[in-house]
Amino acid sequence: MGLWRYIIVRFLQALVVLFFVSIATFLLMHAVPGDPVNSIIGERQAERPEVRAAIESQYGLDKPLPVQYAYYVKNLLRGDMGTTITDRKNVLDELRLVVPATMELAFAAMLFAISVGVPLGIIAAVKQGKWPDHVARFVSLLGTSMPVFWLGLLLAYLVTYKFQILPRSGQLDVGMRRPPQVTGFISIDALLAGDFDTFQSLIRHIILPAIVLGSFAMGIISRMLRSSLVAALNDDYVRTARAKGVSEYRVVRAHALRNALIPTVTVIGLTFASLLAGAVLTETIFSWPGLGQFAVRMALKLDYPGLIGVTLIVAVVYTLVNFFVDVLYGILDPRIRVG
């Protein structure tokens, strides 16, 4: 299968996944208790028959379910996810305020996971059975087995209260204003505005939650890379390279590591997507104003439109990341495209 055909097939598969996600969220909206008209205009206004009839006609609530689903998809494509029940605010506008914060945290967590996990995996594989291997495997085991809330509370106590090295909560120092919004990402907006004090404050605030959120991903990446690299180092082509007198450094870097990184790339991509869904505890511990805190707030208030908006965002990110990982996988290893 050619590369472009492979990409088109994977893209169509991603669209099918999103189609079923839209059906699931649509049915979930109809399964939750409560009257949608009450949610839109309030219970008192909904008691007036003419007002209720007008709202049902406007939103297509008087139509059969397939027609309502068509309206639902049409609104999603226009960026209309409805309004929150409690605050009467546009769900998409609310998500635009919190998603950038979670994306920044997820990128920082993944940067930590890759920066620590990849070297650990390489060292563990190259020094297999020796003390560096045991240390690296122990660190990766800690990362995958330590509960997020326990690690978060432990680091928060030691680093912020005991030694007072880093701030504990929020994105910025108290009293510091956000830079003029261009992208919604404070880091990028601060750099665009030349506001390096704000950028530095963000970095200081993001270090702890990034370590906590990225610790599990670090352990997974390290263990996957070690396993793949150990297998690659025992392959025939690596033995042939060694027999030809190629240096061990070149054997690892030019021959074994390239093939070992292929399954690791898949893990990195899917782990990044899971960071968005797994940020709830981390954002709660460190008062990080992101998607996780928004989801908790909506759940406590039983605000179903807000929760469905979070579900859609996470599902779309999962699907897109999985699509790009599949494409990258197909580029790195053309054998994948054969199937």
C-alpha atoms as a PDB file:
ATOM      1  CA  MET A   1       0.000   0.000   0.000  1.00  0.00           C
ATOM      2  CA  GLY A   2       1.359   3.427  -0.966  1.00  0.00           C
ATOM      3  CA  LEU A   3       1.921   6.098   1.667  1.00  0.00           C
ATOM      4  CA  TRP A   4      -0.894   8.409   0.528  1.00  0.00           C
ATOM      5  CA  ARG A   5      -3.392   5.573   0.317  1.00  0.00           C
ATOM      6  CA  TYR A   6      -2.313   4.465   3.787  1.00  0.00           C
ATOM      7  CA  ILE A   7      -2.864   8.011   5.111  1.00  0.00           C
ATOM      8  CA  ILE A   8      -6.315   8.254   3.484  1.00  0.00           C
ATOM      9  CA  VAL A   9      -7.375   4.896   4.947  1.00  0.00           C
ATOM     10  CA  ARG A  10      -6.240   5.924   8.427  1.00  0.00           C
ATOM     11  CA  PHE A  11      -7.998   9.291   8.055  1.00  0.00           C
ATOM     12  CA  LEU A  12     -11.274   7.610   7.085  1.00  0.00           C
ATOM     13  CA  GLN A  13     -10.927   5.289  10.079  1.00  0.00           C
ATOM     14  CA  ALA A  14     -10.481   8.342  12.310  1.00  0.00           C
ATOM     15  CA  LEU A  15     -13.669   9.872  10.870  1.00  0.00           C
ATOM     16  CA  VAL A  16     -15.554   6.644  11.630  1.00  0.00           C
ATOM     17  CA  VAL A  17     -14.351   6.774  15.233  1.00  0.00           C
ATOM     18  CA  LEU A  18     -15.475  10.401  15.577  1.00  0.00           C
ATOM     19  CA  PHE A  19     -18.845   9.464  14.042  1.00  0.00           C
ATOM     20  CA  PHE A  20     -19.448   6.843  16.736  1.00  0.00           C
ATOM     21  CA  VAL A  21     -18.248   9.266  19.420  1.00  0.00           C
ATOM     22  CA  SER A  22     -20.817  11.810  18.239  1.00  0.00           C
ATOM     23  CA  ILE A  23     -23.558   9.147  18.392  1.00  0.00           C
ATOM     24  CA  ALA A  24     -22.494   8.125  21.905  1.00  0.00           C
ATOM     25  CA  THR A  25     -22.496  11.702  23.222  1.00  0.00           C
ATOM     26  CA  PHE A  26     -25.833  12.427  21.515  1.00  0.00           C
ATOM     27  CA  LEU A  27     -27.460   9.395  23.127  1.00  0.00           C
ATOM     28  CA  LEU A  28     -25.877  10.319  26.448  1.00  0.00           C
ATOM     29  CA  MET A  29     -27.510  13.742  26.282  1.00  0.00           C
ATOM     30  CA  HIS A  30     -30.902  12.080  25.861  1.00  0.00           C
ATOM     31  CA  ALA A  31     -30.225   9.498  28.569  1.00  0.00           C
ATOM     32  CA  VAL A  32     -29.420  11.942  31.365  1.00  0.00           C
ATOM     33  CA  PRO A  33     -32.310  12.971  33.620  1.00  0.00           C
ATOM     34  CA  GLY A  34     -33.910  16.365  33.274  1.00  0.00           C
ATOM     35  CA  ASP A  35     -35.765  18.458  30.713  1.00  0.00           C
ATOM     36  CA  PRO A  36     -33.552  20.033  28.014  1.00  0.00           C
ATOM     37  CA  VAL A  37     -35.929  22.979  27.689  1.00  0.00           C
ATOM     38  CA  ASN A  38     -35.519  23.702  31.403  1.00  0.00           C
ATOM     39  CA  SER A  39     -31.757  23.605  30.908  1.00  0.00           C
ATOM     40  CA  ILE A  40     -31.933  26.111  28.055  1.00  0.00           C
ATOM     41  CA  ILE A  41     -34.318  28.777  29.393  1.00  0.00           C
ATOM     42  CA  GLY A  42     -34.897  27.870  33.031  1.00  0.00           C
ATOM     43  CA  GLU A  43     -37.720  26.035  34.746  1.00  0.00           C
ATOM     44  CA  ARG A  44     -39.948  29.079  35.276  1.00  0.00           C
ATOM     45  CA  GLN A  45     -39.899  30.169  31.622  1.00  0.00           C
ATOM     46  CA  ALA A  46     -40.374  26.571  30.473  1.00  0.00           C
ATOM     47  CA  GLU A  47     -43.764  26.450  32.226  1.00  0.00           C
ATOM     48  CA  ARG A  48     -45.219  28.749  29.553  1.00  0.00           C
ATOM     49  CA  PRO A  49     -46.525  26.524  26.715  1.00  0.00           C
ATOM     50  CA  GLU A  50     -45.841  29.027  23.930  1.00  0.00           C
ATOM     51  CA  VAL A  51     -42.260  29.589  25.102  1.00  0.00           C
ATOM     52  CA  ARG A  52     -41.658  25.845  25.417  1.00  0.00           C
ATOM     53  CA  ALA A  53     -43.042  25.222  21.926  1.00  0.00           C
ATOM     54  CA  ALA A  54     -40.846  27.972  20.459  1.00  0.00           C
ATOM     55  CA  ILE A  55     -37.693  26.579  22.094  1.00  0.00           C
ATOM     56  CA  GLU A  56     -38.490  23.017  21.016  1.00  0.00           C
ATOM     57  CA  SER A  57     -38.987  24.235  17.441  1.00  0.00           C
ATOM     58  CA  GLN A  58     -35.824  26.367  17.495  1.00  0.00           C
ATOM     59  CA  TYR A  59     -33.597  23.539  18.734  1.00  0.00           C
ATOM     60  CA  GLY A  60     -35.385  20.755  16.855  1.00  0.00           C
ATOM     61  CA  LEU A  61     -36.471  19.032  20.061  1.00  0.00           C
ATOM     62  CA  ASP A  62     -39.898  18.325  18.559  1.00  0.00           C
ATOM     63  CA  LYS A  63     -38.303  16.362  15.709  1.00  0.00           C
ATOM     64  CA  PRO A  64     -37.530  12.592  15.550  1.00  0.00           C
ATOM     65  CA  LEU A  65     -34.204  11.427  16.998  1.00  0.00           C
ATOM     66  CA  PRO A  66     -32.432  11.045  13.615  1.00  0.00           C
ATOM     67  CA  VAL A  67     -33.327  14.639  12.737  1.00  0.00           C
ATOM     68  CA  GLN A  68     -32.200  15.822  16.166  1.00  0.00           C
ATOM     69  CA  TYR A  69     -28.907  14.006  15.632  1.00  0.00           C
ATOM     70  CA  ALA A  70     -28.468  15.801  12.303  1.00  0.00           C
ATOM     71  CA  TYR A  71     -29.044  19.130  14.092  1.00  0.00           C
ATOM     72  CA  TYR A  72     -26.564  18.064  16.768  1.00  0.00           C
ATOM     73  CA  VAL A  73     -23.809  17.254  14.251  1.00  0.00           C
ATOM     74  CA  LYS A  74     -24.541  20.455  12.324  1.00  0.00           C
ATOM     75  CA  ASN A  75     -24.141  22.498  15.513  1.00  0.00           C
ATOM     76  CA  LEU A  76     -20.910  20.689  16.409  1.00  0.00           C
ATOM     77  CA  LEU A  77     -19.460  21.446  12.985  1.00  0.00           C
ATOM     78  CA  ARG A  78     -20.311  25.116  13.563  1.00  0.00           C
ATOM     79  CA  GLY A  79     -18.630  25.009  16.971  1.00  0.00           C
ATOM     80  CA  ASP A  80     -21.870  25.111  18.956  1.00  0.00           C
ATOM     81  CA  MET A  81     -21.709  22.714  21.921  1.00  0.00           C
ATOM     82  CA  GLY A  82     -24.578  24.334  23.766  1.00  0.00           C
ATOM     83  CA  THR A  83     -24.513  26.238  27.055  1.00  0.00           C
ATOM     84  CA  THR A  84     -23.684  25.172  30.589  1.00  0.00           C
ATOM     85  CA  ILE A  85     -26.700  24.632  32.818  1.00  0.00           C
ATOM     86  CA  THR A  86     -25.359  26.407  35.898  1.00  0.00           C
ATOM     87  CA  ASP A  87     -23.590  29.460  34.443  1.00  0.00           C
ATOM     88  CA  ARG A  88     -25.499  29.833  31.161  1.00  0.00           C
ATOM     89  CA  LYS A  89     -22.174  30.199  29.334  1.00  0.00           C
ATOM     90  CA  ASN A  90     -21.219  28.850  25.931  1.00  0.00           C
ATOM     91  CA  VAL A  91     -19.491  25.477  26.406  1.00  0.00           C
ATOM     92  CA  LEU A  92     -17.013  26.049  23.583  1.00  0.00           C
ATOM     93  CA  ASP A  93     -16.041  29.460  24.978  1.00  0.00           C
ATOM     94  CA  GLU A  94     -15.451  27.864  28.370  1.00  0.00           C
ATOM     95  CA  LEU A  95     -13.330  25.123  26.826  1.00  0.00           C
ATOM     96  CA  ARG A  96     -11.273  27.681  24.928  1.00  0.00           C
ATOM     97  CA  LEU A  97     -10.277  29.179  28.272  1.00  0.00           C
ATOM     98  CA  VAL A  98      -9.145  25.921  29.889  1.00  0.00           C
ATOM     99  CA  VAL A  99      -7.868  23.668  27.079  1.00  0.00           C
ATOM    100  CA  PRO A 100      -4.694  25.749  26.404  1.00  0.00           C
ATOM    101  CA  ALA A 101      -3.674  25.455  30.070  1.00  0.00           C
ATOM    102  CA  THR A 102      -4.037  21.666  29.971  1.00  0.00           C
ATOM    103  CA  MET A 103      -2.215  21.456  26.633  1.00  0.00           C
ATOM    104  CA  GLU A 104       0.704  23.439  28.074  1.00  0.00           C
ATOM    105  CA  LEU A 105       0.800  21.143  31.091  1.00  0.00           C
ATOM    106  CA  ALA A 106       0.590  18.030  28.891  1.00  0.00           C
ATOM    107  CA  PHE A 107       3.418  19.252  26.631  1.00  0.00           C
ATOM    108  CA  ALA A 108       5.585  20.018  29.668  1.00  0.00           C
ATOM    109  CA  ALA A 109       4.788  16.609  31.188  1.00  0.00           C
ATOM    110  CA  MET A 110       5.628  14.841  27.930  1.00  0.00           C
ATOM    111  CA  LEU A 111       8.870  16.829  27.635  1.00  0.00           C
ATOM    112  CA  PHE A 112       9.824  15.600  31.108  1.00  0.00           C
ATOM    113  CA  ALA A 113       8.767  12.026  30.283  1.00  0.00           C
ATOM    114  CA  ILE A 114      10.806  11.898  27.063  1.00  0.00           C
ATOM    115  CA  SER A 115      13.828  13.717  28.506  1.00  0.00           C
ATOM    116  CA  VAL A 116      14.061  11.242  31.382  1.00  0.00           C
ATOM    117  CA  GLY A 117      12.442   8.103  29.954  1.00  0.00           C
ATOM    118  CA  VAL A 118      14.420   7.832  26.708  1.00  0.00           C
ATOM    119  CA  PRO A 119      17.898   8.084  28.313  1.00  0.00           C
ATOM    120  CA  LEU A 120      16.825   5.675  31.061  1.00  0.00           C
ATOM    121  CA  GLY A 121      15.585   3.164  28.495  1.00  0.00           C
ATOM    122  CA  ILE A 122      18.789   3.392  26.448  1.00  0.00           C
ATOM    123  CA  ILE A 123      21.038   3.065  29.498  1.00  0.00           C
ATOM    124  CA  ALA A 124      19.036   0.111  30.823  1.00  0.00           C
ATOM    125  CA  ALA A 125      19.256  -1.713  27.478  1.00  0.00           C
ATOM    126  CA  VAL A 126      22.940  -1.023  26.817  1.00  0.00           C
ATOM    127  CA  LYS A 127      23.906  -1.931  30.393  1.00  0.00           C
ATOM    128  CA  GLN A 128      21.515  -4.884  30.601  1.00  0.00           C
ATOM    129  CA  GLY A 129      21.941  -6.880  33.807  1.00  0.00           C
ATOM    130  CA  LYS A 130      24.339  -4.352  35.368  1.00  0.00           C
ATOM    131  CA  TRP A 131      23.698  -1.816  38.122  1.00  0.00           C
ATOM    132  CA  PRO A 132      22.691   1.057  35.741  1.00  0.00           C
ATOM    133  CA  ASP A 133      20.027  -1.263  34.342  1.00  0.00           C
ATOM    134  CA  HIS A 134      18.704  -2.037  37.821  1.00  0.00           C
ATOM    135  CA  VAL A 135      18.629   1.658  38.790  1.00  0.00           C
ATOM    136  CA  ALA A 136      16.866   2.658  35.560  1.00  0.00           C
ATOM    137  CA  ARG A 137      14.279  -0.100  35.928  1.00  0.00           C
ATOM    138  CA  PHE A 138      13.664   0.877  39.552  1.00  0.00           C
ATOM    139  CA  VAL A 139      13.067   4.517  38.578  1.00  0.00           C
ATOM    140  CA  SER A 140      10.687   3.511  35.779  1.00  0.00           C
ATOM    141  CA  LEU A 141       8.873   1.168  38.165  1.00  0.00           C
ATOM    142  CA  LEU A 142       8.394   4.021  40.628  1.00  0.00           C
ATOM    143  CA  GLY A 143       7.002   6.195  37.855  1.00  0.00           C
ATOM    144  CA  THR A 144       4.417   3.648  36.752  1.00  0.00           C
ATOM    145  CA  SER A 145       3.383   2.370  40.178  1.00  0.00           C
ATOM    146  CA  MET A 146       3.282   5.521  42.317  1.00  0.00           C
ATOM    147  CA  PRO A 147      -0.250   6.998  42.599  1.00  0.00           C
ATOM    148  CA  VAL A 148      -0.515  10.472  41.092  1.00  0.00           C
ATOM    149  CA  PHE A 149      -2.249  12.017  44.094  1.00  0.00           C
ATOM    150  CA  TRP A 150       0.345  10.600  46.517  1.00  0.00           C
ATOM    151  CA  LEU A 151       3.286  11.773  44.411  1.00  0.00           C
ATOM    152  CA  GLY A 152       1.659  15.169  43.946  1.00  0.00           C
ATOM    153  CA  LEU A 153       1.035  15.693  47.642  1.00  0.00           C
ATOM    154  CA  LEU A 154       4.533  14.435  48.525  1.00  0.00           C
ATOM    155  CA  LEU A 155       6.296  16.768  46.087  1.00  0.00           C
ATOM    156  CA  ALA A 156       4.026  19.654  47.029  1.00  0.00           C
ATOM    157  CA  TYR A 157       4.956  19.204  50.694  1.00  0.00           C
ATOM    158  CA  LEU A 158       8.695  18.751  50.137  1.00  0.00           C
ATOM    159  CA  VAL A 159       9.323  21.268  47.361  1.00  0.00           C
ATOM    160  CA  THR A 160       6.870  24.022  48.247  1.00  0.00           C
ATOM    161  CA  TYR A 161       6.357  23.842  52.024  1.00  0.00           C
ATOM    162  CA  LYS A 162       9.468  22.172  53.409  1.00  0.00           C
ATOM    163  CA  PHE A 163      12.158  23.718  51.197  1.00  0.00           C
ATOM    164  CA  GLN A 164      10.093  26.440  49.453  1.00  0.00           C
ATOM    165  CA  ILE A 165      11.872  25.971  46.124  1.00  0.00           C
ATOM    166  CA  LEU A 166       8.898  26.248  43.780  1.00  0.00           C
ATOM    167  CA  PRO A 167       5.362  27.677  44.031  1.00  0.00           C
ATOM    168  CA  ARG A 168       2.598  25.188  44.713  1.00  0.00           C
ATOM    169  CA  SER A 169      -0.533  26.339  42.918  1.00  0.00           C
ATOM    170  CA  GLY A 170      -1.841  28.281  39.962  1.00  0.00           C
ATOM    171  CA  GLN A 171      -0.243  29.217  36.663  1.00  0.00           C
ATOM    172  CA  LEU A 172       1.277  32.563  37.622  1.00  0.00           C
ATOM    173  CA  ASP A 173       2.406  34.434  40.713  1.00  0.00           C
ATOM    174  CA  VAL A 174      -0.294  36.192  42.715  1.00  0.00           C
ATOM    175  CA  GLY A 175      -1.080  39.590  41.227  1.00  0.00           C
ATOM    176  CA  MET A 176       0.638  38.867  37.918  1.00  0.00           C
ATOM    177  CA  ARG A 177      -1.503  39.571  34.870  1.00  0.00           C
ATOM    178  CA  ARG A 178      -1.795  37.341  31.855  1.00  0.00           C
ATOM    179  CA  PRO A 179      -0.155  38.670  28.689  1.00  0.00           C
ATOM    180  CA  PRO A 180      -2.375  39.984  25.869  1.00  0.00           C
ATOM    181  CA  GLN A 181      -4.185  36.954  24.473  1.00  0.00           C
ATOM    182  CA  VAL A 182      -3.155  35.913  20.976  1.00  0.00           C
ATOM    183  CA  THR A 183      -3.098  32.114  21.041  1.00  0.00           C
ATOM    184  CA  GLY A 184      -4.559  31.385  24.492  1.00  0.00           C
ATOM    185  CA  PHE A 185      -1.300  29.704  25.542  1.00  0.00           C
ATOM    186  CA  ILE A 186       0.341  31.849  28.223  1.00  0.00           C
ATOM    187  CA  SER A 187       3.833  30.646  27.307  1.00  0.00           C
ATOM    188  CA  ILE A 188       3.481  31.626  23.646  1.00  0.00           C
ATOM    189  CA  ASP A 189       1.595  34.854  24.353  1.00  0.00           C
ATOM    190  CA  ALA A 190       4.217  35.927  26.906  1.00  0.00           C
ATOM    191  CA  LEU A 191       7.047  35.332  24.433  1.00  0.00           C
ATOM    192  CA  LEU A 192       5.180  37.167  21.669  1.00  0.00           C
ATOM    193  CA  ALA A 193       4.674  40.122  24.007  1.00  0.00           C
ATOM    194  CA  GLY A 194       8.284  40.029  25.210  1.00  0.00           C
ATOM    195  CA  ASP A 195       7.014  39.496  28.766  1.00  0.00           C
ATOM    196  CA  PHE A 196       9.781  37.263  30.090  1.00  0.00           C
ATOM    197  CA  ASP A 197       8.768  37.751  33.746  1.00  0.00           C
ATOM    198  CA  THR A 198       5.405  36.134  33.031  1.00  0.00           C
ATOM    199  CA  PHE A 199       7.070  33.362  31.029  1.00  0.00           C
ATOM    200  CA  GLN A 200       9.503  32.664  33.871  1.00  0.00           C
ATOM    201  CA  SER A 201       6.655  32.616  36.382  1.00  0.00           C
ATOM    202  CA  LEU A 202       4.757  30.087  34.257  1.00  0.00           C
ATOM    203  CA  ILE A 203       7.822  27.842  34.001  1.00  0.00           C
ATOM    204  CA  ARG A 204       8.295  27.893  37.782  1.00  0.00           C
ATOM    205  CA  HIS A 205       4.636  27.012  38.339  1.00  0.00           C
ATOM    206  CA  ILE A 206       4.491  24.256  35.717  1.00  0.00           C
ATOM    207  CA  ILE A 207       7.551  22.243  36.814  1.00  0.00           C
ATOM    208  CA  LEU A 208       5.941  20.352  39.709  1.00  0.00           C
ATOM    209  CA  PRO A 209       2.629  19.420  38.039  1.00  0.00           C
ATOM    210  CA  ALA A 210       4.529  18.440  34.878  1.00  0.00           C
ATOM    211  CA  ILE A 211       6.756  16.054  36.845  1.00  0.00           C
ATOM    212  CA  VAL A 212       3.751  14.547  38.630  1.00  0.00           C
ATOM    213  CA  LEU A 213       1.678  14.180  35.456  1.00  0.00           C
ATOM    214  CA  GLY A 214       4.600  12.931  33.369  1.00  0.00           C
ATOM    215  CA  SER A 215       5.981  10.386  35.849  1.00  0.00           C
ATOM    216  CA  PHE A 216       3.744   7.554  34.638  1.00  0.00           C
ATOM    217  CA  ALA A 217       4.517   8.330  30.984  1.00  0.00           C
ATOM    218  CA  MET A 218       8.228   8.430  31.822  1.00  0.00           C
ATOM    219  CA  GLY A 219       8.071   4.919  33.268  1.00  0.00           C
ATOM    220  CA  ILE A 220       6.114   3.547  30.309  1.00  0.00           C
ATOM    221  CA  ILE A 221       8.468   5.110  27.741  1.00  0.00           C
ATOM    222  CA  SER A 222      11.552   3.876  29.580  1.00  0.00           C
ATOM    223  CA  ARG A 223      10.312   0.301  29.874  1.00  0.00           C
ATOM    224  CA  MET A 224       9.073   0.146  26.279  1.00  0.00           C
ATOM    225  CA  LEU A 225      12.318   1.547  24.857  1.00  0.00           C
ATOM    226  CA  ARG A 226      14.434  -0.796  26.976  1.00  0.00           C
ATOM    227  CA  SER A 227      12.453  -3.829  25.833  1.00  0.00           C
ATOM    228  CA  SER A 228      12.571  -2.800  22.160  1.00  0.00           C
ATOM    229  CA  LEU A 229      16.252  -1.884  22.251  1.00  0.00           C
ATOM    230  CA  VAL A 230      17.266  -5.131  23.974  1.00  0.00           C
ATOM    231  CA  ALA A 231      15.465  -7.064  21.232  1.00  0.00           C
ATOM    232  CA  ALA A 232      17.075  -4.933  18.510  1.00  0.00           C
ATOM    233  CA  LEU A 233      20.572  -5.395  19.954  1.00  0.00           C
ATOM    234  CA  ASN A 234      20.138  -9.160  19.645  1.00  0.00           C
ATOM    235  CA  ASP A 235      19.047  -9.070  15.992  1.00  0.00           C
ATOM    236  CA  ASP A 236      21.234 -10.547  13.259  1.00  0.00           C
ATOM    237  CA  TYR A 237      21.959  -7.245  11.518  1.00  0.00           C
ATOM    238  CA  VAL A 238      23.362  -5.818  14.764  1.00  0.00           C
ATOM    239  CA  ARG A 239      25.570  -8.866  15.251  1.00  0.00           C
ATOM    240  CA  THR A 240      26.780  -8.459  11.662  1.00  0.00           C
ATOM    241  CA  ALA A 241      27.637  -4.801  12.294  1.00  0.00           C
ATOM    242  CA  ARG A 242      29.602  -5.765  15.394  1.00  0.00           C
ATOM    243  CA  ALA A 243      31.428  -8.491  13.470  1.00  0.00           C
ATOM    244  CA  LYS A 244      32.481  -5.875  10.914  1.00  0.00           C
ATOM    245  CA  GLY A 245      34.139  -3.876  13.690  1.00  0.00           C
ATOM    246  CA  VAL A 246      31.550  -1.092  13.969  1.00  0.00           C
ATOM    247  CA  SER A 247      31.876   0.737  17.289  1.00  0.00           C
ATOM    248  CA  GLU A 248      29.285  -0.030  19.979  1.00  0.00           C
ATOM    249  CA  TYR A 249      28.151   3.609  20.015  1.00  0.00           C
ATOM    250  CA  ARG A 250      27.454   3.525  16.272  1.00  0.00           C
ATOM    251  CA  VAL A 251      25.788   0.119  16.545  1.00  0.00           C
ATOM    252  CA  VAL A 252      23.359   1.468  19.134  1.00  0.00           C
ATOM    253  CA  ARG A 253      22.752   4.877  17.545  1.00  0.00           C
ATOM    254  CA  ALA A 254      22.668   4.044  13.835  1.00  0.00           C
ATOM    255  CA  HIS A 255      21.373   0.471  13.784  1.00  0.00           C
ATOM    256  CA  ALA A 256      19.482  -0.646  16.881  1.00  0.00           C
ATOM    257  CA  LEU A 257      17.959   2.586  18.194  1.00  0.00           C
ATOM    258  CA  ARG A 258      16.136   3.466  14.952  1.00  0.00           C
ATOM    259  CA  ASN A 259      14.130   0.234  14.968  1.00  0.00           C
ATOM    260  CA  ALA A 260      13.638   0.328  18.737  1.00  0.00           C
ATOM    261  CA  LEU A 261      12.091   3.800  18.531  1.00  0.00           C
ATOM    262  CA  ILE A 262       9.246   2.685  16.246  1.00  0.00           C
ATOM    263  CA  PRO A 263       7.042   1.068  18.953  1.00  0.00           C
ATOM    264  CA  THR A 264       8.169   3.749  21.401  1.00  0.00           C
ATOM    265  CA  VAL A 265       6.802   6.483  19.126  1.00  0.00           C
ATOM    266  CA  THR A 266       3.383   4.823  19.300  1.00  0.00           C
ATOM    267  CA  VAL A 267       3.540   4.728  23.086  1.00  0.00           C
ATOM    268  CA  ILE A 268       4.610   8.378  23.247  1.00  0.00           C
ATOM    269  CA  GLY A 269       1.710   9.487  21.058  1.00  0.00           C
ATOM    270  CA  LEU A 270      -0.977   7.560  22.897  1.00  0.00           C
ATOM    271  CA  THR A 271       0.491   8.490  26.277  1.00  0.00           C
ATOM    272  CA  PHE A 272       0.336  12.175  25.357  1.00  0.00           C
ATOM    273  CA  ALA A 273      -3.370  11.838  24.584  1.00  0.00           C
ATOM    274  CA  SER A 274      -3.941  10.070  27.905  1.00  0.00           C
ATOM    275  CA  LEU A 275      -2.285  12.962  29.745  1.00  0.00           C
ATOM    276  CA  LEU A 276      -5.227  15.200  28.832  1.00  0.00           C
ATOM    277  CA  ALA A 277      -7.703  12.755  30.342  1.00  0.00           C
ATOM    278  CA  GLY A 278      -5.468  12.016  33.331  1.00  0.00           C
ATOM    279  CA  ALA A 279      -4.844  15.621  34.286  1.00  0.00           C
ATOM    280  CA  VAL A 280      -7.830  15.803  36.656  1.00  0.00           C
ATOM    281  CA  LEU A 281      -5.979  14.830  39.852  1.00  0.00           C
ATOM    282  CA  THR A 282      -2.843  16.788  38.987  1.00  0.00           C
ATOM    283  CA  GLU A 283      -4.772  19.956  38.172  1.00  0.00           C
ATOM    284  CA  THR A 284      -6.811  19.592  41.355  1.00  0.00           C
ATOM    285  CA  ILE A 285      -3.742  19.166  43.579  1.00  0.00           C
ATOM    286  CA  PHE A 286      -1.885  22.120  42.065  1.00  0.00           C
ATOM    287  CA  SER A 287      -4.931  24.317  41.333  1.00  0.00           C
ATOM    288  CA  TRP A 288      -4.038  24.344  37.650  1.00  0.00           C
ATOM    289  CA  PRO A 289      -6.912  26.053  35.784  1.00  0.00           C
ATOM    290  CA  GLY A 290      -7.257  23.519  32.985  1.00  0.00           C
ATOM    291  CA  LEU A 291      -9.600  20.967  31.467  1.00  0.00           C
ATOM    292  CA  GLY A 292      -9.355  18.654  34.475  1.00  0.00           C
ATOM    293  CA  GLN A 293     -10.547  21.280  36.934  1.00  0.00           C
ATOM    294  CA  PHE A 294     -13.309  22.280  34.524  1.00  0.00           C
ATOM    295  CA  ALA A 295     -14.447  18.638  34.309  1.00  0.00           C
ATOM    296  CA  VAL A 296     -14.489  18.322  38.107  1.00  0.00           C
ATOM    297  CA  ARG A 297     -16.509  21.527  38.413  1.00  0.00           C
ATOM    298  CA  MET A 298     -19.036  20.344  35.830  1.00  0.00           C
ATOM    299  CA  ALA A 299     -19.288  16.910  37.483  1.00  0.00           C
ATOM    300  CA  LEU A 300     -19.940  18.376  40.930  1.00  0.00           C
ATOM    301  CA  LYS A 301     -22.695  20.563  39.479  1.00  0.00           C
ATOM    302  CA  LEU A 302     -24.097  17.733  37.306  1.00  0.00           C
ATOM    303  CA  ASP A 303     -23.678  20.057  34.331  1.00  0.00           C
ATOM    304  CA  TYR A 304     -24.088  17.553  31.497  1.00  0.00           C
ATOM    305  CA  PRO A 305     -23.423  19.877  28.523  1.00  0.00           C
ATOM    306  CA  GLY A 306     -20.076  20.823  30.054  1.00  0.00           C
ATOM    307  CA  LEU A 307     -19.174  17.181  30.700  1.00  0.00           C
ATOM    308  CA  ILE A 308     -20.134  16.185  27.162  1.00  0.00           C
ATOM    309  CA  GLY A 309     -17.976  19.033  25.845  1.00  0.00           C
ATOM    310  CA  VAL A 310     -15.015  17.659  27.808  1.00  0.00           C
ATOM    311  CA  THR A 311     -15.736  14.165  26.484  1.00  0.00           C
ATOM    312  CA  LEU A 312     -15.793  15.413  22.895  1.00  0.00           C
ATOM    313  CA  ILE A 313     -12.528  17.335  23.275  1.00  0.00           C
ATOM    314  CA  VAL A 314     -10.702  14.363  24.803  1.00  0.00           C
ATOM    315  CA  ALA A 315     -12.123  11.991  22.170  1.00  0.00           C
ATOM    316  CA  VAL A 316     -11.079  14.276  19.316  1.00  0.00           C
ATOM    317  CA  VAL A 317      -7.560  14.636  20.745  1.00  0.00           C
ATOM    318  CA  TYR A 318      -7.264  10.860  21.212  1.00  0.00           C
ATOM    319  CA  THR A 319      -8.412  10.241  17.645  1.00  0.00           C
ATOM    320  CA  LEU A 320      -6.165  12.881  16.072  1.00  0.00           C
ATOM    321  CA  VAL A 321      -3.099  11.786  18.026  1.00  0.00           C
ATOM    322  CA  ASN A 322      -3.763   8.160  17.129  1.00  0.00           C
ATOM    323  CA  PHE A 323      -4.096   9.154  13.454  1.00  0.00           C
ATOM    324  CA  PHE A 324      -0.805  11.057  13.416  1.00  0.00           C
ATOM    325  CA  VAL A 325       0.944   8.231  15.281  1.00  0.00           C
ATOM    326  CA  ASP A 326      -0.309   5.732  12.697  1.00  0.00           C
ATOM    327  CA  VAL A 327       0.945   7.962   9.878  1.00  0.00           C
ATOM    328  CA  LEU A 328       4.333   8.430  11.532  1.00  0.00           C
ATOM    329  CA  TYR A 329       4.515   4.697  12.199  1.00  0.00           C
ATOM    330  CA  GLY A 330       3.852   4.016   8.519  1.00  0.00           C
ATOM    331  CA  ILE A 331       6.592   6.453   7.492  1.00  0.00           C
ATOM    332  CA  LEU A 332       9.169   5.013   9.888  1.00  0.00           C
ATOM    333  CA  ASP A 333       8.366   1.400   9.051  1.00  0.00           C
ATOM    334  CA  PRO A 334       6.983   0.869   5.506  1.00  0.00           C
ATOM    335  CA  ARG A 335       6.202  -2.747   6.399  1.00  0.00           C
ATOM    336  CA  ILE A 336       3.232  -1.484   8.434  1.00  0.00           C
ATOM    337  CA  ARG A 337       1.587  -0.219   5.239  1.00  0.00           C
ATOM    338  CA  VAL A 338       1.537  -3.698   3.711  1.00  0.00           C
ATOM    339  CA  GLY A 339      -1.500  -4.667   5.765  1.00  0.00           C
END
